[in-house]
C-alpha atoms as a PDB file:
ATOM      1  CA  UNK A   1       0.000   0.000   0.000  1.00  0.00           C
ATOM      2  CA  UNK A   2       1.270   3.455  -0.888  1.00  0.00           C
ATOM      3  CA  UNK A   3       1.356   5.622   2.251  1.00  0.00           C
ATOM      4  CA  UNK A   4       1.202   8.782   0.147  1.00  0.00           C
ATOM      5  CA  UNK A   5      -2.338   7.936  -0.976  1.00  0.00           C
ATOM      6  CA  UNK A   6      -4.669   7.074   1.903  1.00  0.00           C
ATOM      7  CA  UNK A   7      -7.361   4.453   1.334  1.00  0.00           C
ATOM      8  CA  UNK A   8     -10.789   5.742   0.330  1.00  0.00           C
ATOM      9  CA  UNK A   9     -12.398   5.032   3.756  1.00  0.00           C
ATOM     10  CA  UNK A  10      -9.717   7.198   5.403  1.00  0.00           C
ATOM     11  CA  UNK A  11     -10.296  10.012   2.926  1.00  0.00           C
ATOM     12  CA  UNK A  12     -14.050   9.829   3.524  1.00  0.00           C
ATOM     13  CA  UNK A  13     -13.550   9.965   7.294  1.00  0.00           C
ATOM     14  CA  UNK A  14     -11.301  13.016   6.984  1.00  0.00           C
ATOM     15  CA  UNK A  15     -13.934  14.755   4.867  1.00  0.00           C
ATOM     16  CA  UNK A  16     -16.704  13.886   7.344  1.00  0.00           C
ATOM     17  CA  UNK A  17     -14.575  15.243  10.192  1.00  0.00           C
ATOM     18  CA  UNK A  18     -13.905  18.424   8.219  1.00  0.00           C
ATOM     19  CA  UNK A  19     -17.611  18.867   7.514  1.00  0.00           C
ATOM     20  CA  UNK A  20     -18.443  18.331  11.187  1.00  0.00           C
ATOM     21  CA  UNK A  21     -15.854  20.900  12.261  1.00  0.00           C
ATOM     22  CA  UNK A  22     -17.208  23.384   9.728  1.00  0.00           C
ATOM     23  CA  UNK A  23     -20.761  22.806  10.883  1.00  0.00           C
ATOM     24  CA  UNK A  24     -19.806  23.169  14.563  1.00  0.00           C
ATOM     25  CA  UNK A  25     -18.075  26.458  13.758  1.00  0.00           C
ATOM     26  CA  UNK A  26     -20.993  27.810  11.767  1.00  0.00           C
ATOM     27  CA  UNK A  27     -23.526  26.777  14.434  1.00  0.00           C
ATOM     28  CA  UNK A  28     -21.613  29.009  16.819  1.00  0.00           C
ATOM     29  CA  UNK A  29     -21.705  31.823  14.249  1.00  0.00           C
ATOM     30  CA  UNK A  30     -17.914  31.925  14.149  1.00  0.00           C
ATOM     31  CA  UNK A  31     -15.999  32.874  11.045  1.00  0.00           C
ATOM     32  CA  UNK A  32     -12.994  30.837   9.991  1.00  0.00           C
ATOM     33  CA  UNK A  33     -10.916  33.726  11.343  1.00  0.00           C
ATOM     34  CA  UNK A  34     -12.657  33.411  14.735  1.00  0.00           C
ATOM     35  CA  UNK A  35     -11.875  29.705  14.923  1.00  0.00           C
ATOM     36  CA  UNK A  36      -8.302  30.261  13.768  1.00  0.00           C
ATOM     37  CA  UNK A  37      -7.751  32.739  16.590  1.00  0.00           C
ATOM     38  CA  UNK A  38      -9.288  30.408  19.171  1.00  0.00           C
ATOM     39  CA  UNK A  39      -7.067  27.475  18.193  1.00  0.00           C
ATOM     40  CA  UNK A  40      -3.938  29.526  17.541  1.00  0.00           C
ATOM     41  CA  UNK A  41      -3.725  28.710  13.854  1.00  0.00           C
ATOM     42  CA  UNK A  42      -4.032  30.475  10.512  1.00  0.00           C
ATOM     43  CA  UNK A  43      -7.204  30.795   8.474  1.00  0.00           C
ATOM     44  CA  UNK A  44      -5.490  28.645   5.863  1.00  0.00           C
ATOM     45  CA  UNK A  45      -5.114  25.877   8.451  1.00  0.00           C
ATOM     46  CA  UNK A  46      -8.813  26.108   9.337  1.00  0.00           C
ATOM     47  CA  UNK A  47      -9.747  25.903   5.650  1.00  0.00           C
ATOM     48  CA  UNK A  48      -7.572  22.824   5.142  1.00  0.00           C
ATOM     49  CA  UNK A  49      -8.967  21.241   8.309  1.00  0.00           C
ATOM     50  CA  UNK A  50     -12.566  21.837   7.210  1.00  0.00           C
ATOM     51  CA  UNK A  51     -11.771  20.514   3.741  1.00  0.00           C
ATOM     52  CA  UNK A  52     -10.506  17.252   5.241  1.00  0.00           C
ATOM     53  CA  UNK A  53      -7.031  17.794   3.836  1.00  0.00           C
ATOM     54  CA  UNK A  54      -5.038  14.555   3.962  1.00  0.00           C
ATOM     55  CA  UNK A  55      -1.836  16.182   5.219  1.00  0.00           C
ATOM     56  CA  UNK A  56      -3.480  18.052   8.086  1.00  0.00           C
ATOM     57  CA  UNK A  57      -1.579  18.043  11.364  1.00  0.00           C
ATOM     58  CA  UNK A  58      -3.427  16.604  14.332  1.00  0.00           C
ATOM     59  CA  UNK A  59      -2.807  19.460  16.782  1.00  0.00           C
ATOM     60  CA  UNK A  60      -5.140  22.038  15.155  1.00  0.00           C
ATOM     61  CA  UNK A  61      -7.886  19.432  14.937  1.00  0.00           C
ATOM     62  CA  UNK A  62      -7.530  18.538  18.615  1.00  0.00           C
ATOM     63  CA  UNK A  63      -7.439  22.217  19.572  1.00  0.00           C
ATOM     64  CA  UNK A  64     -10.661  22.723  17.585  1.00  0.00           C
ATOM     65  CA  UNK A  65     -12.257  19.814  19.442  1.00  0.00           C
ATOM     66  CA  UNK A  66     -11.200  21.500  22.668  1.00  0.00           C
ATOM     67  CA  UNK A  67     -12.795  24.860  21.820  1.00  0.00           C
ATOM     68  CA  UNK A  68     -15.974  23.059  20.713  1.00  0.00           C
ATOM     69  CA  UNK A  69     -16.060  21.219  24.063  1.00  0.00           C
ATOM     70  CA  UNK A  70     -15.542  17.830  22.447  1.00  0.00           C
ATOM     71  CA  UNK A  71     -12.059  16.915  23.658  1.00  0.00           C
ATOM     72  CA  UNK A  72     -13.449  13.963  25.636  1.00  0.00           C
ATOM     73  CA  UNK A  73     -14.577  12.462  22.321  1.00  0.00           C
ATOM     74  CA  UNK A  74     -10.990  12.529  21.102  1.00  0.00           C
ATOM     75  CA  UNK A  75      -9.832  10.843  24.308  1.00  0.00           C
ATOM     76  CA  UNK A  76     -12.202   7.960  23.576  1.00  0.00           C
ATOM     77  CA  UNK A  77     -11.100   7.357  19.981  1.00  0.00           C
ATOM     78  CA  UNK A  78      -9.189   4.237  20.859  1.00  0.00           C
ATOM     79  CA  UNK A  79     -10.501   2.970  24.166  1.00  0.00           C
ATOM     80  CA  UNK A  80      -8.058   0.146  24.893  1.00  0.00           C
ATOM     81  CA  UNK A  81     -10.533  -1.488  27.272  1.00  0.00           C
ATOM     82  CA  UNK A  82     -12.854  -1.940  24.268  1.00  0.00           C
ATOM     83  CA  UNK A  83     -10.144  -3.027  21.784  1.00  0.00           C
ATOM     84  CA  UNK A  84     -11.525  -6.477  20.976  1.00  0.00           C
ATOM     85  CA  UNK A  85      -8.664  -7.453  18.654  1.00  0.00           C
ATOM     86  CA  UNK A  86      -5.996  -6.321  21.113  1.00  0.00           C
ATOM     87  CA  UNK A  87      -7.739  -8.084  23.990  1.00  0.00           C
ATOM     88  CA  UNK A  88      -8.083 -11.280  21.956  1.00  0.00           C
ATOM     89  CA  UNK A  89      -4.383 -11.243  21.063  1.00  0.00           C
ATOM     90  CA  UNK A  90      -3.473 -10.597  24.688  1.00  0.00           C
ATOM     91  CA  UNK A  91      -5.724 -13.422  25.886  1.00  0.00           C
ATOM     92  CA  UNK A  92      -4.140 -15.837  23.404  1.00  0.00           C
ATOM     93  CA  UNK A  93      -0.804 -15.280  25.152  1.00  0.00           C
ATOM     94  CA  UNK A  94      -2.102 -16.008  28.633  1.00  0.00           C
ATOM     95  CA  UNK A  95      -0.371 -18.979  30.266  1.00  0.00           C
ATOM     96  CA  UNK A  96      -2.354 -22.195  30.495  1.00  0.00           C
ATOM     97  CA  UNK A  97      -1.332 -22.623  34.124  1.00  0.00           C
ATOM     98  CA  UNK A  98       0.237 -20.505  36.772  1.00  0.00           C
ATOM     99  CA  UNK A  99       2.480 -22.297  39.252  1.00  0.00           C
ATOM    100  CA  UNK A 100       3.695 -20.870  42.490  1.00  0.00           C
ATOM    101  CA  UNK A 101       7.433 -20.809  42.890  1.00  0.00           C
ATOM    102  CA  UNK A 102       8.947 -23.093  45.503  1.00  0.00           C
ATOM    103  CA  UNK A 103      10.565 -20.159  47.232  1.00  0.00           C
ATOM    104  CA  UNK A 104       8.592 -17.106  48.104  1.00  0.00           C
ATOM    105  CA  UNK A 105       9.793 -13.760  49.422  1.00  0.00           C
ATOM    106  CA  UNK A 106       7.714 -14.319  52.586  1.00  0.00           C
ATOM    107  CA  UNK A 107       9.447 -17.591  53.463  1.00  0.00           C
ATOM    108  CA  UNK A 108      12.890 -16.097  53.099  1.00  0.00           C
ATOM    109  CA  UNK A 109      13.817 -18.665  50.487  1.00  0.00           C
ATOM    110  CA  UNK A 110      13.465 -21.683  52.815  1.00  0.00           C
END
């Protein structure tokens, strides 16, 4: 797979995120300049973010989520407690049995 060209589902997700950010901004009656000032970025960065630009840095997006009051949503993007594949792989590596060692720290090695 060529890393320079993201898969179509990734591109679609970026565009949906950009549309959602644009809609959140407009619902607040903020101009792109207003949002840029709030997140400490340029208007050009806001335009690229709202367009779902593939090379967009993550920091402006996260800052936008913060000013929209949605930072908790970002924190939950990959909830490791709900990572079914990761949990399955981890469970496959669990030992079949657990044996106690013959010497324990409490017994002083005797």
